[in-house]
Protein backbone atom coordinates (compact mmCIF):
# COMPACT_ATOMS: atom_id res chain seq x y z
CA UNK A 1 6.54 -17.42 -100.31
CA UNK A 2 5.84 -18.37 -96.75
CA UNK A 3 3.16 -16.97 -94.93
CA UNK A 4 3.87 -17.31 -90.94
CA UNK A 5 0.63 -18.23 -89.06
CA UNK A 6 1.12 -14.95 -86.95
CA UNK A 7 0.80 -12.91 -90.35
CA UNK A 8 -2.52 -14.64 -91.43
CA UNK A 9 -5.47 -12.03 -91.22
CA UNK A 10 -8.07 -13.57 -89.00
CA UNK A 11 -11.57 -12.26 -89.09
CA UNK A 12 -15.15 -12.63 -87.58
CA UNK A 13 -17.81 -12.40 -90.21
CA UNK A 14 -21.47 -12.90 -90.67
CA UNK A 15 -21.62 -14.80 -94.12
CA UNK A 16 -24.53 -14.92 -96.29
CA UNK A 17 -27.07 -13.95 -93.75
CA UNK A 18 -26.02 -17.03 -91.85
CA UNK A 19 -26.45 -17.56 -88.15
CA UNK A 20 -23.66 -15.93 -85.97
CA UNK A 21 -20.35 -15.30 -87.10
CA UNK A 22 -17.54 -17.37 -88.96
CA UNK A 23 -14.13 -17.17 -87.94
CA UNK A 24 -12.12 -16.89 -90.90
CA UNK A 25 -8.21 -17.16 -91.06
CA UNK A 26 -7.29 -15.95 -94.72
CA UNK A 27 -4.44 -18.00 -95.88
CA UNK A 28 -3.95 -15.85 -98.70
CA UNK A 29 -3.98 -11.93 -99.40
CA UNK A 30 -5.93 -11.63 -102.57
CA UNK A 31 -6.43 -13.20 -105.80
CA UNK A 32 -2.75 -12.43 -107.12
CA UNK A 33 -1.61 -15.01 -104.73
CA UNK A 34 -3.85 -17.82 -106.28
CA UNK A 35 -2.32 -16.65 -109.82
CA UNK A 36 -5.67 -15.25 -110.72
CA UNK A 37 -7.34 -18.48 -110.47
CA UNK A 38 -9.44 -17.82 -107.55
CA UNK A 39 -10.34 -14.84 -104.70
CA UNK A 40 -10.45 -17.21 -101.27
CA UNK A 41 -8.18 -19.65 -99.39
CA UNK A 42 -9.06 -19.48 -95.79
CA UNK A 43 -9.42 -21.54 -92.74
CA UNK A 44 -12.89 -21.39 -91.57
CA UNK A 45 -14.45 -22.15 -87.98
CA UNK A 46 -17.86 -22.15 -87.24
CA UNK A 47 -18.84 -22.33 -83.46
CA UNK A 48 -21.85 -24.18 -82.32
CA UNK A 49 -25.04 -22.66 -83.76
CA UNK A 50 -23.44 -20.71 -86.26
CA UNK A 51 -23.63 -21.13 -90.16
CA UNK A 52 -22.82 -19.68 -93.70
CA UNK A 53 -26.16 -19.13 -95.13
CA UNK A 54 -27.46 -20.53 -98.48
CA UNK A 55 -26.10 -18.84 -101.66
CA UNK A 56 -25.30 -19.34 -105.41
CA UNK A 57 -21.92 -19.24 -107.13
CA UNK A 58 -21.80 -17.45 -110.32
CA UNK A 59 -18.42 -17.21 -112.09
CA UNK A 60 -16.70 -19.44 -109.44
CA UNK A 61 -17.10 -22.54 -107.69
CA UNK A 62 -16.18 -23.28 -103.85
CA UNK A 63 -14.69 -26.44 -102.09
CA UNK A 64 -14.62 -27.35 -98.58
CA UNK A 65 -12.36 -29.82 -96.99
CA UNK A 66 -13.60 -30.91 -93.50
CA UNK A 67 -10.95 -30.89 -90.90
CA UNK A 68 -12.83 -31.10 -87.37
CA UNK A 69 -16.56 -31.76 -86.30
CA UNK A 70 -19.78 -32.71 -88.05
CA UNK A 71 -21.45 -29.94 -89.85
CA UNK A 72 -24.64 -30.19 -91.96
CA UNK A 73 -24.24 -29.20 -95.43
CA UNK A 74 -27.00 -28.03 -98.28
CA UNK A 75 -25.77 -29.30 -101.45
CA UNK A 76 -28.42 -27.98 -103.89
CA UNK A 77 -31.20 -28.75 -101.60
CA UNK A 78 -29.77 -32.18 -100.53
CA UNK A 79 -28.93 -31.99 -96.80
CA UNK A 80 -25.96 -34.17 -95.52
CA UNK A 81 -24.05 -34.61 -92.35
CA UNK A 82 -20.27 -34.45 -93.14
CA UNK A 83 -17.29 -35.71 -91.12
CA UNK A 84 -13.73 -35.06 -91.04
CA UNK A 85 -11.92 -36.26 -94.56
CA UNK A 86 -15.26 -35.35 -96.49
CA UNK A 87 -14.94 -32.98 -99.45
CA UNK A 88 -17.58 -30.98 -101.23
CA UNK A 89 -17.77 -28.81 -104.31
CA UNK A 90 -20.06 -26.35 -105.20
CA UNK A 91 -19.93 -25.56 -108.92
CA UNK A 92 -20.58 -22.42 -110.89
CA UNK A 93 -24.35 -21.99 -111.00
CA UNK A 94 -25.00 -24.04 -108.14
CA UNK A 95 -25.99 -23.36 -104.32
CA UNK A 96 -24.77 -24.61 -100.97
CA UNK A 97 -24.73 -23.62 -97.32
CA UNK A 98 -23.10 -25.02 -93.92
CA UNK A 99 -24.33 -25.05 -90.56
CA UNK A 100 -22.89 -26.20 -87.30
CA UNK A 101 -25.64 -27.87 -85.14
CA UNK A 102 -23.38 -29.50 -82.99
CA UNK A 103 -22.05 -28.50 -79.56
CA UNK A 104 -18.49 -28.85 -80.80
CA UNK A 105 -16.51 -26.49 -83.29
CA UNK A 106 -16.53 -27.41 -86.99
CA UNK A 107 -13.23 -26.60 -88.96
CA UNK A 108 -12.77 -26.42 -92.71
CA UNK A 109 -10.57 -25.35 -95.61
CA UNK A 110 -12.58 -23.11 -98.12
CA UNK A 111 -11.35 -22.51 -101.44
CA UNK A 112 -13.29 -20.39 -104.15
CA UNK A 113 -11.97 -20.52 -107.72
CA UNK A 114 -12.89 -18.76 -110.70
CA UNK A 115 -14.69 -20.99 -113.32
CA UNK A 116 -13.59 -18.92 -116.60
C-alpha cells in the first residue's frame, strides 16, 4: 500500500482538553491498516501555545517521536523539555501530555498501539 501525501486526511482537533488545536495528519485510515495492533499513526503539529491535555492510557500505549521543536512533555508527573530526535513512551496505565510553550511549531509522529 502507498498513501500519497495528497490522500492523507488532515484534521484540526482539540485533544484531551488541551489548549488550542492540534493539526493531525492521519497516516493510516483505521486500525485495520495497523493489522489490528493499534489505532493511530499520525504526524502531529502543535502551534505556539497549543497542547494535548493530560490523559491516561487504558488498554493501549502511545509513542511520540519528536521531529521539530522543543515541546514540554509530562511523563507521569515529571516535566521534561524534549528536542528533535527524542522518543517518548506512555505505557498502558500511565499518563502524559505535551505542550508547545515556544514561539516555533512542534512536529512529532504519534503512534497508539493496543496493549493486548
